[in-house]
């Protein structure tokens, strides 16, 4: 979702700044070096999700960077972090959460085909359900009936679980699915699930995307 459909990098910066008040030991510049950058901060997308390592669940990143180990605290802080992304994205002159190139046109074509019992597409994200719903609504992207989030799988990307579940809920064989991913972890997840994968260059260099061997590589959804 982040990196394929939307650019939340402005809110990501704000969320880490806010979390440094609670966890003063975290190195925000270092974390952001490995986060989504997009056009907001760099027009050529030279670096490499949410909360730091792209394609990795927010809870996993908060465990790694903030040192949170209590499961209940980790879950509540993940929700707080992702809510802060949405609320801070437009603060202090930031541009807000925006759709990436080609997404509006793609959604116009797919909107009517998102409903059960026979949806033709799904969103499989490492984000929580709370954040996914808020971010998609904020950026005016329709929410499909099949929305696989971090809470719905035991193992997130790069494991195949998110895309296996997405295909199952859509009632299709993973081999008949095309996954669109911007991160190496996401590409690995789609390939491990047995899907065909399109790698897009919205957050990583071509070299890092091609290194994990997606079936196709394009610049973004406008291509």
N, C-alpha and C. Protein backbone atom coordinates (compact mmCIF):
# COMPACT_ATOMS: atom_id res chain seq x y z
N UNK A 1 0.84 -1.20 0.00
CA UNK A 1 0.00 0.00 0.00
C UNK A 1 0.88 1.25 0.00
N UNK A 2 1.68 1.41 1.07
CA UNK A 2 2.65 2.50 1.07
C UNK A 2 3.75 2.16 0.07
N UNK A 3 3.92 3.05 -0.90
CA UNK A 3 4.95 2.80 -1.90
C UNK A 3 4.38 2.29 -3.20
N UNK A 4 3.19 1.71 -3.17
CA UNK A 4 2.53 1.29 -4.41
C UNK A 4 1.33 2.18 -4.72
N UNK A 5 0.55 2.50 -3.69
CA UNK A 5 -0.64 3.33 -3.88
C UNK A 5 -0.47 4.74 -3.33
N UNK A 6 0.19 4.87 -2.20
CA UNK A 6 0.28 6.18 -1.55
C UNK A 6 1.71 6.50 -1.12
N UNK A 7 1.94 7.80 -0.94
CA UNK A 7 3.18 8.32 -0.38
C UNK A 7 2.84 8.92 0.98
N UNK A 8 3.28 8.25 2.04
CA UNK A 8 3.03 8.73 3.40
C UNK A 8 4.30 9.23 4.07
N UNK A 9 5.34 9.51 3.27
CA UNK A 9 6.63 9.84 3.86
C UNK A 9 6.59 11.10 4.72
N UNK A 10 5.73 12.06 4.37
CA UNK A 10 5.63 13.27 5.19
C UNK A 10 5.13 12.93 6.59
N UNK A 11 4.12 12.08 6.66
CA UNK A 11 3.59 11.65 7.96
C UNK A 11 4.54 10.74 8.70
N UNK A 12 5.31 9.96 7.95
CA UNK A 12 6.28 9.07 8.57
C UNK A 12 7.33 9.87 9.33
N UNK A 13 7.80 10.94 8.73
CA UNK A 13 8.75 11.81 9.41
C UNK A 13 8.14 12.38 10.69
N UNK A 14 6.90 12.85 10.59
CA UNK A 14 6.24 13.42 11.76
C UNK A 14 6.02 12.41 12.87
N UNK A 15 5.69 11.18 12.49
CA UNK A 15 5.44 10.15 13.49
C UNK A 15 6.71 9.79 14.25
N UNK A 16 7.83 9.67 13.53
CA UNK A 16 9.08 9.35 14.22
C UNK A 16 9.54 10.51 15.11
N UNK A 17 9.30 11.73 14.66
CA UNK A 17 9.64 12.88 15.50
C UNK A 17 8.82 12.86 16.79
N UNK A 18 7.53 12.51 16.67
CA UNK A 18 6.67 12.43 17.85
C UNK A 18 7.10 11.30 18.78
N UNK A 19 7.48 10.17 18.20
CA UNK A 19 7.87 9.01 19.02
C UNK A 19 9.22 9.22 19.71
N UNK A 20 10.03 10.09 19.20
CA UNK A 20 11.30 10.38 19.86
C UNK A 20 11.08 11.03 21.22
N UNK A 21 9.94 11.70 21.39
CA UNK A 21 9.62 12.29 22.69
C UNK A 21 9.41 11.21 23.74
N UNK A 22 8.88 10.06 23.32
CA UNK A 22 8.66 8.95 24.25
C UNK A 22 9.87 8.04 24.34
N UNK A 23 10.56 7.89 23.22
CA UNK A 23 11.72 7.00 23.14
C UNK A 23 12.93 7.82 22.68
N UNK A 24 13.53 8.59 23.58
CA UNK A 24 14.57 9.55 23.18
C UNK A 24 15.84 8.92 22.62
N UNK A 25 16.02 7.62 22.80
CA UNK A 25 17.24 6.98 22.32
C UNK A 25 17.20 6.69 20.82
N UNK A 26 16.05 6.78 20.19
CA UNK A 26 15.97 6.40 18.77
C UNK A 26 16.67 7.44 17.90
N UNK A 27 17.29 6.97 16.85
CA UNK A 27 18.02 7.82 15.91
C UNK A 27 17.13 8.05 14.68
N UNK A 28 16.36 9.14 14.71
CA UNK A 28 15.38 9.38 13.65
C UNK A 28 16.02 9.53 12.27
N UNK A 29 17.08 10.32 12.12
CA UNK A 29 17.69 10.42 10.78
C UNK A 29 18.14 9.07 10.24
N UNK A 30 18.70 8.23 11.11
CA UNK A 30 19.15 6.90 10.66
C UNK A 30 17.96 6.05 10.23
N UNK A 31 16.87 6.10 11.00
CA UNK A 31 15.68 5.32 10.65
C UNK A 31 15.11 5.78 9.31
N UNK A 32 15.07 7.10 9.11
CA UNK A 32 14.48 7.63 7.88
C UNK A 32 15.34 7.35 6.66
N UNK A 33 16.60 7.05 6.86
CA UNK A 33 17.44 6.67 5.72
C UNK A 33 16.94 5.40 5.06
N UNK A 34 16.27 4.54 5.84
CA UNK A 34 15.76 3.29 5.30
C UNK A 34 14.27 3.31 5.10
N UNK A 35 13.67 4.49 5.10
CA UNK A 35 12.22 4.59 4.99
C UNK A 35 11.81 5.07 3.61
N UNK A 36 10.48 5.09 3.37
CA UNK A 36 9.94 5.63 2.12
C UNK A 36 10.43 7.07 1.94
N UNK A 37 10.86 7.43 0.75
CA UNK A 37 11.24 8.82 0.51
C UNK A 37 10.36 9.47 -0.56
N UNK A 38 10.14 8.86 -1.68
CA UNK A 38 9.27 9.38 -2.72
C UNK A 38 9.64 10.78 -3.20
N UNK A 39 8.69 11.41 -3.84
CA UNK A 39 8.93 12.74 -4.40
C UNK A 39 8.96 13.80 -3.30
N UNK A 40 8.36 13.53 -2.16
CA UNK A 40 8.30 14.53 -1.10
C UNK A 40 9.69 15.03 -0.73
N UNK A 41 10.66 14.10 -0.64
CA UNK A 41 12.00 14.50 -0.24
C UNK A 41 13.07 14.24 -1.28
N UNK A 42 12.76 13.46 -2.31
CA UNK A 42 13.78 13.19 -3.33
C UNK A 42 13.12 12.80 -4.64
N UNK A 43 13.32 13.57 -5.70
CA UNK A 43 12.62 13.30 -6.96
C UNK A 43 13.09 12.05 -7.69
N UNK A 44 14.18 11.45 -7.27
CA UNK A 44 14.69 10.31 -8.01
C UNK A 44 14.59 8.99 -7.24
N UNK A 45 13.92 8.99 -6.09
CA UNK A 45 13.70 7.77 -5.31
C UNK A 45 14.98 6.95 -5.12
N UNK A 46 16.07 7.48 -4.58
CA UNK A 46 17.31 6.72 -4.55
C UNK A 46 17.41 5.72 -3.42
N UNK A 47 16.59 5.79 -2.41
CA UNK A 47 16.74 4.90 -1.27
C UNK A 47 15.61 3.92 -1.12
N UNK A 48 15.73 3.24 -0.03
CA UNK A 48 14.67 2.29 0.18
C UNK A 48 13.69 2.79 1.19
N UNK A 49 9.48 0.71 4.91
CA UNK A 49 8.05 0.93 4.93
C UNK A 49 7.75 1.54 6.19
N UNK A 50 6.85 1.49 6.09
CA UNK A 50 6.25 2.14 7.21
C UNK A 50 7.09 1.88 8.44
N UNK A 51 7.37 2.94 9.20
CA UNK A 51 8.14 2.86 10.43
C UNK A 51 9.58 2.46 10.23
N UNK A 52 10.09 2.45 9.03
CA UNK A 52 11.52 2.24 8.88
C UNK A 52 11.88 1.29 7.78
N UNK A 53 11.80 -0.01 7.99
CA UNK A 53 12.21 -0.98 6.99
C UNK A 53 11.01 -1.34 6.13
N UNK A 54 11.09 -1.00 4.88
CA UNK A 54 9.91 -1.09 4.03
C UNK A 54 9.46 -2.52 3.82
N UNK A 55 8.13 -2.70 3.91
CA UNK A 55 7.54 -4.01 3.75
C UNK A 55 7.45 -4.76 5.06
N UNK A 56 8.00 -4.20 6.13
CA UNK A 56 7.98 -4.84 7.44
C UNK A 56 6.89 -4.22 8.28
N UNK A 57 6.21 -5.04 9.10
CA UNK A 57 5.11 -4.55 9.91
C UNK A 57 5.56 -3.50 10.92
N UNK A 58 4.69 -2.53 11.19
CA UNK A 58 5.01 -1.46 12.13
C UNK A 58 5.40 -2.02 13.50
N UNK A 59 4.69 -3.04 13.98
CA UNK A 59 5.03 -3.62 15.28
C UNK A 59 6.45 -4.17 15.29
N UNK A 60 6.85 -4.79 14.20
CA UNK A 60 8.21 -5.33 14.13
C UNK A 60 9.24 -4.21 14.14
N UNK A 61 8.96 -3.12 13.43
CA UNK A 61 9.88 -1.99 13.41
C UNK A 61 9.97 -1.29 14.76
N UNK A 62 8.85 -1.14 15.44
CA UNK A 62 8.88 -0.51 16.76
C UNK A 62 9.62 -1.38 17.77
N UNK A 63 9.50 -2.69 17.61
CA UNK A 63 10.27 -3.59 18.48
C UNK A 63 11.76 -3.39 18.25
N UNK A 64 12.13 -3.29 16.97
CA UNK A 64 13.54 -3.17 16.64
C UNK A 64 14.11 -1.81 17.04
N UNK A 65 13.40 -0.74 16.72
CA UNK A 65 13.95 0.60 16.92
C UNK A 65 13.70 1.18 18.31
N UNK A 66 12.53 0.90 18.88
CA UNK A 66 12.19 1.48 20.18
C UNK A 66 12.46 0.53 21.34
N UNK A 67 12.69 -0.73 21.03
CA UNK A 67 12.97 -1.70 22.08
C UNK A 67 11.75 -2.13 22.86
N UNK A 68 10.56 -2.02 22.25
CA UNK A 68 9.33 -2.42 22.93
C UNK A 68 9.18 -3.94 22.84
N UNK A 69 9.00 -4.59 23.96
CA UNK A 69 8.87 -6.05 23.96
C UNK A 69 7.52 -6.53 24.48
N UNK A 70 6.82 -5.72 25.27
CA UNK A 70 5.52 -6.13 25.80
C UNK A 70 4.50 -6.18 24.66
N UNK A 71 3.86 -7.33 24.44
CA UNK A 71 2.95 -7.48 23.29
C UNK A 71 1.80 -6.47 23.28
N UNK A 72 1.19 -6.23 24.43
CA UNK A 72 0.06 -5.30 24.48
C UNK A 72 0.52 -3.86 24.20
N UNK A 73 1.66 -3.48 24.77
CA UNK A 73 2.19 -2.14 24.51
C UNK A 73 2.59 -2.00 23.06
N UNK A 74 3.19 -3.04 22.51
CA UNK A 74 3.61 -3.01 21.12
C UNK A 74 2.42 -2.80 20.19
N UNK A 75 1.33 -3.49 20.46
CA UNK A 75 0.14 -3.35 19.63
C UNK A 75 -0.45 -1.94 19.73
N UNK A 76 -0.55 -1.42 20.96
CA UNK A 76 -1.13 -0.09 21.14
C UNK A 76 -0.23 1.00 20.56
N UNK A 77 1.09 0.83 20.68
CA UNK A 77 2.00 1.82 20.13
C UNK A 77 2.02 1.78 18.61
N UNK A 78 1.83 0.61 18.03
CA UNK A 78 1.75 0.52 16.57
C UNK A 78 0.55 1.30 16.06
N UNK A 79 -0.57 1.17 16.75
CA UNK A 79 -1.76 1.92 16.35
C UNK A 79 -1.52 3.42 16.51
N UNK A 80 -0.92 3.82 17.64
CA UNK A 80 -0.62 5.24 17.87
C UNK A 80 0.32 5.78 16.81
N UNK A 81 1.34 5.00 16.47
CA UNK A 81 2.30 5.44 15.46
C UNK A 81 1.61 5.69 14.12
N UNK A 82 0.81 4.75 13.71
CA UNK A 82 0.18 4.86 12.39
C UNK A 82 -0.88 5.95 12.37
N UNK A 83 -1.57 6.16 13.48
CA UNK A 83 -2.51 7.29 13.55
C UNK A 83 -1.75 8.61 13.46
N UNK A 84 -0.57 8.65 14.07
CA UNK A 84 0.23 9.86 14.03
C UNK A 84 0.73 10.14 12.62
N UNK A 85 1.00 9.12 11.84
CA UNK A 85 1.38 9.32 10.44
C UNK A 85 0.30 10.13 9.72
N UNK A 86 -0.95 9.72 9.92
CA UNK A 86 -2.06 10.39 9.24
C UNK A 86 -2.23 11.83 9.73
N UNK A 87 -2.19 12.02 11.06
CA UNK A 87 -2.44 13.36 11.61
C UNK A 87 -1.28 14.32 11.37
N UNK A 88 -0.07 13.80 11.26
CA UNK A 88 1.08 14.70 11.09
C UNK A 88 1.45 14.93 9.63
N UNK A 89 0.86 14.17 8.73
CA UNK A 89 1.25 14.26 7.31
C UNK A 89 1.00 15.65 6.73
N UNK A 90 -0.02 16.33 7.23
CA UNK A 90 -0.36 17.67 6.72
C UNK A 90 0.05 18.78 7.68
N UNK A 91 0.71 18.43 8.78
CA UNK A 91 1.12 19.42 9.77
C UNK A 91 2.43 20.10 9.36
N UNK A 92 2.65 21.28 9.87
CA UNK A 92 3.91 22.01 9.67
C UNK A 92 4.27 22.17 8.19
N UNK A 93 3.24 22.40 7.38
CA UNK A 93 3.48 22.64 5.96
C UNK A 93 3.75 21.41 5.13
N UNK A 94 3.61 20.21 5.72
CA UNK A 94 3.85 18.98 4.96
C UNK A 94 2.72 18.76 3.95
N UNK A 95 2.99 17.99 2.87
CA UNK A 95 2.01 17.87 1.78
C UNK A 95 0.87 16.89 2.03
N UNK A 96 0.90 16.13 3.13
CA UNK A 96 -0.15 15.16 3.42
C UNK A 96 0.13 13.81 2.77
N UNK A 97 -0.80 12.90 2.93
CA UNK A 97 -0.70 11.59 2.27
C UNK A 97 -1.25 11.74 0.87
N UNK A 98 -0.45 11.37 -0.11
CA UNK A 98 -0.85 11.60 -1.50
C UNK A 98 -0.83 10.30 -2.30
N UNK A 99 -1.64 10.26 -3.35
CA UNK A 99 -1.63 9.11 -4.26
C UNK A 99 -0.40 9.17 -5.14
N UNK A 100 0.17 8.03 -5.41
CA UNK A 100 1.32 7.94 -6.31
C UNK A 100 0.86 7.95 -7.77
N UNK A 101 1.76 8.21 -8.71
CA UNK A 101 1.39 8.31 -10.13
C UNK A 101 0.67 7.06 -10.64
N UNK A 102 -0.42 7.29 -11.39
CA UNK A 102 -1.15 6.20 -12.02
C UNK A 102 -2.20 5.55 -11.15
N UNK A 103 -2.22 5.87 -9.85
CA UNK A 103 -3.14 5.19 -8.93
C UNK A 103 -4.58 5.61 -9.18
N UNK A 104 -4.81 6.89 -9.40
CA UNK A 104 -6.18 7.35 -9.64
C UNK A 104 -6.79 6.64 -10.83
N UNK A 105 -6.05 6.53 -11.91
CA UNK A 105 -6.55 5.89 -13.12
C UNK A 105 -6.78 4.39 -12.90
N UNK A 106 -5.87 3.76 -12.17
CA UNK A 106 -6.02 2.33 -11.88
C UNK A 106 -7.25 2.08 -11.03
N UNK A 107 -7.47 2.92 -10.04
CA UNK A 107 -8.62 2.76 -9.16
C UNK A 107 -9.93 3.02 -9.89
N UNK A 108 -9.92 3.95 -10.81
CA UNK A 108 -11.13 4.20 -11.62
C UNK A 108 -11.53 2.95 -12.39
N UNK A 109 -10.54 2.20 -12.84
CA UNK A 109 -10.81 0.99 -13.61
C UNK A 109 -11.22 -0.18 -12.72
N UNK A 110 -10.77 -0.17 -11.46
CA UNK A 110 -10.94 -1.34 -10.60
C UNK A 110 -12.00 -1.18 -9.51
N UNK A 111 -12.48 0.03 -9.28
CA UNK A 111 -13.37 0.29 -8.15
C UNK A 111 -14.56 -0.65 -8.09
N UNK A 112 -15.22 -0.87 -9.20
CA UNK A 112 -16.44 -1.68 -9.20
C UNK A 112 -16.16 -3.16 -9.05
N UNK A 113 -14.89 -3.55 -9.07
CA UNK A 113 -14.54 -4.98 -9.03
C UNK A 113 -13.88 -5.35 -7.70
N UNK A 114 -14.18 -4.60 -6.65
CA UNK A 114 -13.52 -4.83 -5.36
C UNK A 114 -14.37 -5.57 -4.35
N UNK A 115 -15.58 -5.98 -4.74
CA UNK A 115 -16.53 -6.51 -3.76
C UNK A 115 -16.61 -8.03 -3.77
N UNK A 116 -16.81 -8.58 -2.57
CA UNK A 116 -17.14 -9.99 -2.44
C UNK A 116 -18.53 -10.24 -3.01
N UNK A 117 -18.85 -11.44 -3.51
CA UNK A 117 -18.09 -12.68 -3.34
C UNK A 117 -17.02 -12.93 -4.41
N UNK A 118 -16.92 -12.06 -5.42
CA UNK A 118 -15.95 -12.33 -6.49
C UNK A 118 -15.08 -11.09 -6.77
N UNK A 119 -14.31 -10.65 -5.80
CA UNK A 119 -13.44 -9.49 -6.06
C UNK A 119 -12.30 -9.87 -6.99
N UNK A 120 -11.86 -8.91 -7.79
CA UNK A 120 -10.75 -9.18 -8.71
C UNK A 120 -9.44 -8.61 -8.20
N UNK A 121 -9.47 -7.91 -7.05
CA UNK A 121 -8.23 -7.37 -6.49
C UNK A 121 -8.36 -7.20 -4.98
N UNK A 122 -7.20 -7.11 -4.35
CA UNK A 122 -7.13 -6.97 -2.90
C UNK A 122 -5.95 -6.08 -2.56
N UNK A 123 -5.91 -5.61 -1.32
CA UNK A 123 -4.73 -4.93 -0.79
C UNK A 123 -4.15 -5.79 0.31
N UNK A 124 -2.87 -6.11 0.20
CA UNK A 124 -2.16 -6.90 1.22
C UNK A 124 -1.03 -6.02 1.74
N UNK A 125 -1.18 -5.51 2.95
CA UNK A 125 -0.26 -4.52 3.48
C UNK A 125 0.33 -4.94 4.81
N UNK A 126 1.49 -4.40 5.12
CA UNK A 126 2.12 -4.64 6.41
C UNK A 126 1.60 -3.70 7.48
N UNK A 127 0.72 -2.77 7.11
CA UNK A 127 0.16 -1.81 8.06
C UNK A 127 -1.01 -2.41 8.83
N UNK A 128 -1.40 -1.73 9.90
CA UNK A 128 -2.57 -2.16 10.67
C UNK A 128 -3.85 -1.79 9.94
N UNK A 129 -4.96 -2.40 10.37
CA UNK A 129 -6.25 -2.10 9.76
C UNK A 129 -6.65 -0.65 10.02
N UNK A 130 -6.35 -0.15 11.21
CA UNK A 130 -6.69 1.24 11.55
C UNK A 130 -6.00 2.20 10.60
N UNK A 131 -4.69 2.04 10.45
CA UNK A 131 -3.94 2.94 9.57
C UNK A 131 -4.37 2.79 8.11
N UNK A 132 -4.49 1.55 7.65
CA UNK A 132 -4.84 1.31 6.26
C UNK A 132 -6.15 2.01 5.90
N UNK A 133 -7.14 1.85 6.76
CA UNK A 133 -8.44 2.47 6.52
C UNK A 133 -8.35 3.99 6.50
N UNK A 134 -7.63 4.55 7.48
CA UNK A 134 -7.47 6.00 7.54
C UNK A 134 -6.71 6.54 6.33
N UNK A 135 -5.60 5.88 6.00
CA UNK A 135 -4.77 6.38 4.91
C UNK A 135 -5.46 6.28 3.56
N UNK A 136 -6.14 5.17 3.32
CA UNK A 136 -6.85 5.02 2.06
C UNK A 136 -7.99 6.02 1.93
N UNK A 137 -8.72 6.22 3.01
CA UNK A 137 -9.82 7.18 3.00
C UNK A 137 -9.30 8.59 2.78
N UNK A 138 -8.22 8.94 3.48
CA UNK A 138 -7.63 10.27 3.36
C UNK A 138 -7.16 10.55 1.94
N UNK A 139 -6.63 9.54 1.27
CA UNK A 139 -6.11 9.72 -0.08
C UNK A 139 -7.13 9.39 -1.17
N UNK A 140 -8.38 9.18 -0.76
CA UNK A 140 -9.49 8.97 -1.70
C UNK A 140 -9.27 7.74 -2.57
N UNK A 141 -8.84 6.66 -1.93
CA UNK A 141 -8.67 5.38 -2.61
C UNK A 141 -9.73 4.42 -2.07
N UNK A 142 -10.50 3.76 -2.93
CA UNK A 142 -11.54 2.85 -2.46
C UNK A 142 -10.95 1.68 -1.68
N UNK A 143 -11.63 1.27 -0.62
CA UNK A 143 -11.17 0.16 0.20
C UNK A 143 -11.80 -1.13 -0.30
N UNK A 144 -10.99 -2.09 -0.71
CA UNK A 144 -11.56 -3.35 -1.21
C UNK A 144 -12.10 -4.20 -0.08
N UNK A 145 -13.02 -5.10 -0.41
CA UNK A 145 -13.56 -6.01 0.61
C UNK A 145 -12.48 -6.92 1.18
N UNK A 146 -11.49 -7.25 0.36
CA UNK A 146 -10.38 -8.07 0.84
C UNK A 146 -9.20 -7.14 1.16
N UNK A 147 -9.02 -6.88 2.44
CA UNK A 147 -7.94 -6.02 2.93
C UNK A 147 -7.16 -6.83 3.96
N UNK A 148 -6.01 -7.32 3.55
CA UNK A 148 -5.16 -8.11 4.43
C UNK A 148 -4.18 -7.16 5.12
N UNK A 149 -4.22 -7.12 6.46
CA UNK A 149 -3.38 -6.21 7.23
C UNK A 149 -2.49 -7.00 8.18
N UNK A 150 -1.68 -6.29 8.93
CA UNK A 150 -0.71 -6.95 9.81
C UNK A 150 -1.36 -7.84 10.84
N UNK A 151 -2.59 -7.50 11.26
CA UNK A 151 -3.27 -8.30 12.29
C UNK A 151 -3.81 -9.62 11.77
N UNK A 152 -3.95 -9.74 10.46
CA UNK A 152 -4.64 -10.90 9.90
C UNK A 152 -3.71 -12.04 9.52
N UNK A 153 -2.40 -11.83 9.65
CA UNK A 153 -1.44 -12.89 9.36
C UNK A 153 -0.47 -13.03 10.52
N UNK A 154 -0.01 -14.26 10.73
CA UNK A 154 0.96 -14.50 11.80
C UNK A 154 2.35 -14.03 11.39
N UNK A 155 2.68 -14.23 10.13
CA UNK A 155 3.99 -13.83 9.63
C UNK A 155 3.80 -12.86 8.47
N UNK A 156 4.43 -11.69 8.59
CA UNK A 156 4.33 -10.69 7.54
C UNK A 156 5.37 -10.88 6.46
N UNK A 157 5.42 -9.94 5.53
CA UNK A 157 6.39 -9.95 4.45
C UNK A 157 7.81 -9.92 5.05
N UNK A 158 8.77 -10.64 4.50
CA UNK A 158 8.82 -11.28 3.18
C UNK A 158 8.23 -12.69 3.12
N UNK A 159 7.60 -13.16 4.21
CA UNK A 159 6.93 -14.46 4.17
C UNK A 159 5.74 -14.38 3.21
N UNK A 160 5.30 -15.52 2.68
CA UNK A 160 4.22 -15.50 1.68
C UNK A 160 2.82 -15.31 2.25
N UNK A 161 2.69 -15.35 3.57
CA UNK A 161 1.37 -15.36 4.22
C UNK A 161 0.39 -14.28 3.73
N UNK A 162 0.80 -13.00 3.62
CA UNK A 162 -0.17 -11.98 3.21
C UNK A 162 -0.79 -12.25 1.85
N UNK A 163 0.03 -12.65 0.89
CA UNK A 163 -0.50 -12.88 -0.46
C UNK A 163 -1.23 -14.21 -0.59
N UNK A 164 -0.82 -15.19 0.18
CA UNK A 164 -1.58 -16.45 0.20
C UNK A 164 -2.98 -16.22 0.74
N UNK A 165 -3.07 -15.42 1.81
CA UNK A 165 -4.39 -15.13 2.38
C UNK A 165 -5.22 -14.27 1.44
N UNK A 166 -4.59 -13.29 0.81
CA UNK A 166 -5.31 -12.44 -0.12
C UNK A 166 -5.91 -13.24 -1.27
N UNK A 167 -5.12 -14.14 -1.83
CA UNK A 167 -5.61 -14.99 -2.92
C UNK A 167 -6.74 -15.89 -2.44
N UNK A 168 -6.58 -16.47 -1.24
CA UNK A 168 -7.61 -17.35 -0.69
C UNK A 168 -8.93 -16.62 -0.50
N UNK A 169 -8.87 -15.41 0.05
CA UNK A 169 -10.10 -14.64 0.30
C UNK A 169 -10.76 -14.18 -0.99
N UNK A 170 -9.96 -14.01 -2.04
CA UNK A 170 -10.51 -13.66 -3.36
C UNK A 170 -11.01 -14.88 -4.11
N UNK A 171 -10.69 -16.08 -3.59
CA UNK A 171 -11.15 -17.31 -4.21
C UNK A 171 -10.39 -17.69 -5.47
N UNK A 172 -9.09 -17.33 -5.50
CA UNK A 172 -8.30 -17.62 -6.70
C UNK A 172 -7.00 -18.32 -6.31
N UNK A 173 -6.40 -18.96 -7.29
CA UNK A 173 -5.10 -19.59 -7.11
C UNK A 173 -4.02 -18.50 -7.12
N UNK A 174 -3.08 -18.52 -6.18
CA UNK A 174 -2.00 -17.51 -6.19
C UNK A 174 -1.26 -17.45 -7.53
N UNK A 175 -1.16 -18.59 -8.21
CA UNK A 175 -0.47 -18.62 -9.49
C UNK A 175 -1.17 -17.78 -10.55
N UNK A 176 -2.44 -17.48 -10.32
CA UNK A 176 -3.21 -16.66 -11.25
C UNK A 176 -3.23 -15.18 -10.85
N UNK A 177 -2.46 -14.83 -9.82
CA UNK A 177 -2.46 -13.46 -9.29
C UNK A 177 -1.23 -12.68 -9.75
N UNK A 178 -1.43 -11.38 -9.91
CA UNK A 178 -0.32 -10.47 -10.17
C UNK A 178 -0.19 -9.54 -8.97
N UNK A 179 0.96 -9.53 -8.37
CA UNK A 179 1.26 -8.67 -7.22
C UNK A 179 2.03 -7.45 -7.71
N UNK A 180 1.68 -6.28 -7.21
CA UNK A 180 2.42 -5.05 -7.50
C UNK A 180 3.10 -4.61 -6.21
N UNK A 181 4.40 -4.52 -6.23
CA UNK A 181 5.17 -4.22 -5.02
C UNK A 181 6.33 -3.27 -5.30
N UNK A 182 6.64 -2.45 -4.32
CA UNK A 182 7.77 -1.53 -4.46
C UNK A 182 8.97 -1.93 -3.63
N UNK A 183 8.80 -2.80 -2.63
CA UNK A 183 9.90 -3.13 -1.72
C UNK A 183 10.43 -4.53 -1.97
N UNK A 184 11.71 -4.73 -1.74
CA UNK A 184 12.26 -6.09 -1.86
C UNK A 184 11.55 -7.10 -0.98
N UNK A 185 11.19 -6.72 0.26
CA UNK A 185 10.45 -7.65 1.12
C UNK A 185 9.10 -8.00 0.54
N UNK A 186 8.41 -7.03 -0.03
CA UNK A 186 7.12 -7.30 -0.63
C UNK A 186 7.23 -8.16 -1.87
N UNK A 187 8.25 -7.88 -2.68
CA UNK A 187 8.48 -8.69 -3.88
C UNK A 187 8.78 -10.13 -3.50
N UNK A 188 9.61 -10.32 -2.50
CA UNK A 188 9.92 -11.67 -2.02
C UNK A 188 8.66 -12.39 -1.55
N UNK A 189 7.79 -11.66 -0.85
CA UNK A 189 6.54 -12.24 -0.34
C UNK A 189 5.66 -12.72 -1.48
N UNK A 190 5.49 -11.88 -2.50
CA UNK A 190 4.66 -12.27 -3.63
C UNK A 190 5.21 -13.46 -4.39
N UNK A 191 6.51 -13.45 -4.61
CA UNK A 191 7.14 -14.57 -5.32
C UNK A 191 7.04 -15.86 -4.50
N UNK A 192 7.24 -15.76 -3.17
CA UNK A 192 7.15 -16.94 -2.31
C UNK A 192 5.75 -17.52 -2.28
N UNK A 193 4.75 -16.66 -2.51
CA UNK A 193 3.36 -17.13 -2.54
C UNK A 193 3.01 -17.79 -3.87
N UNK A 194 3.90 -17.70 -4.84
CA UNK A 194 3.64 -18.29 -6.15
C UNK A 194 2.98 -17.36 -7.13
N UNK A 195 2.97 -16.05 -6.82
CA UNK A 195 2.34 -15.07 -7.70
C UNK A 195 3.36 -14.53 -8.70
N UNK A 196 2.85 -13.94 -9.78
CA UNK A 196 3.69 -13.13 -10.64
C UNK A 196 3.80 -11.74 -9.99
N UNK A 197 4.96 -11.11 -10.10
CA UNK A 197 5.19 -9.85 -9.39
C UNK A 197 5.71 -8.77 -10.32
N UNK A 198 5.07 -7.60 -10.24
CA UNK A 198 5.55 -6.39 -10.90
C UNK A 198 6.25 -5.54 -9.84
N UNK A 199 7.52 -5.28 -10.04
CA UNK A 199 8.26 -4.39 -9.15
C UNK A 199 8.20 -2.97 -9.68
N UNK A 200 7.81 -2.01 -8.83
CA UNK A 200 7.77 -0.61 -9.25
C UNK A 200 8.83 0.19 -8.50
N UNK A 201 9.31 1.23 -9.15
CA UNK A 201 10.50 1.94 -8.66
C UNK A 201 10.12 3.23 -7.94
N UNK A 202 9.18 3.15 -7.02
CA UNK A 202 8.73 4.35 -6.31
C UNK A 202 9.47 4.61 -5.02
N UNK A 203 10.22 3.64 -4.52
CA UNK A 203 10.90 3.84 -3.24
C UNK A 203 12.29 3.23 -3.18
N UNK A 204 12.64 2.39 -4.13
CA UNK A 204 13.95 1.75 -4.14
C UNK A 204 14.62 1.96 -5.49
N UNK A 205 15.91 1.79 -5.50
CA UNK A 205 16.64 1.87 -6.75
C UNK A 205 16.30 0.69 -7.64
N UNK A 206 16.49 0.86 -8.92
CA UNK A 206 16.26 -0.24 -9.86
C UNK A 206 17.13 -1.44 -9.50
N UNK A 207 18.35 -1.18 -9.08
CA UNK A 207 19.25 -2.28 -8.74
C UNK A 207 18.72 -3.13 -7.60
N UNK A 208 18.19 -2.48 -6.54
CA UNK A 208 17.70 -3.25 -5.40
C UNK A 208 16.42 -4.00 -5.73
N UNK A 209 15.59 -3.44 -6.62
CA UNK A 209 14.37 -4.13 -7.04
C UNK A 209 14.72 -5.31 -7.95
N UNK A 210 15.57 -5.08 -8.91
CA UNK A 210 15.94 -6.16 -9.84
C UNK A 210 16.69 -7.28 -9.14
N UNK A 211 17.36 -6.98 -8.03
CA UNK A 211 18.14 -7.99 -7.32
C UNK A 211 17.28 -9.11 -6.76
N UNK A 212 15.98 -8.82 -6.47
CA UNK A 212 15.10 -9.85 -5.91
C UNK A 212 14.25 -10.51 -6.99
N UNK A 213 14.49 -10.14 -8.25
CA UNK A 213 13.97 -10.85 -9.42
C UNK A 213 12.44 -10.89 -9.56
N UNK A 214 11.79 -9.71 -9.55
CA UNK A 214 10.36 -9.70 -9.92
C UNK A 214 10.22 -10.10 -11.39
N UNK A 215 9.01 -10.44 -11.79
CA UNK A 215 8.80 -10.85 -13.18
C UNK A 215 8.90 -9.67 -14.14
N UNK A 216 8.48 -8.50 -13.69
CA UNK A 216 8.57 -7.29 -14.50
C UNK A 216 8.97 -6.12 -13.60
N UNK A 217 9.54 -5.10 -14.19
CA UNK A 217 9.90 -3.88 -13.47
C UNK A 217 9.41 -2.68 -14.28
N UNK A 218 8.66 -1.79 -13.63
CA UNK A 218 8.22 -0.53 -14.26
C UNK A 218 8.46 0.61 -13.28
N UNK A 219 8.41 1.83 -13.78
CA UNK A 219 8.69 2.99 -12.93
C UNK A 219 7.60 3.16 -11.85
N UNK A 220 6.33 3.15 -12.29
CA UNK A 220 5.21 3.31 -11.36
C UNK A 220 3.94 2.87 -12.07
N UNK A 221 2.79 3.05 -11.43
CA UNK A 221 1.54 2.55 -12.01
C UNK A 221 1.07 3.34 -13.22
N UNK A 222 1.67 4.47 -13.47
CA UNK A 222 1.31 5.22 -14.69
C UNK A 222 1.91 4.57 -15.94
N UNK A 223 2.83 3.63 -15.76
CA UNK A 223 3.48 2.96 -16.89
C UNK A 223 2.79 1.67 -17.27
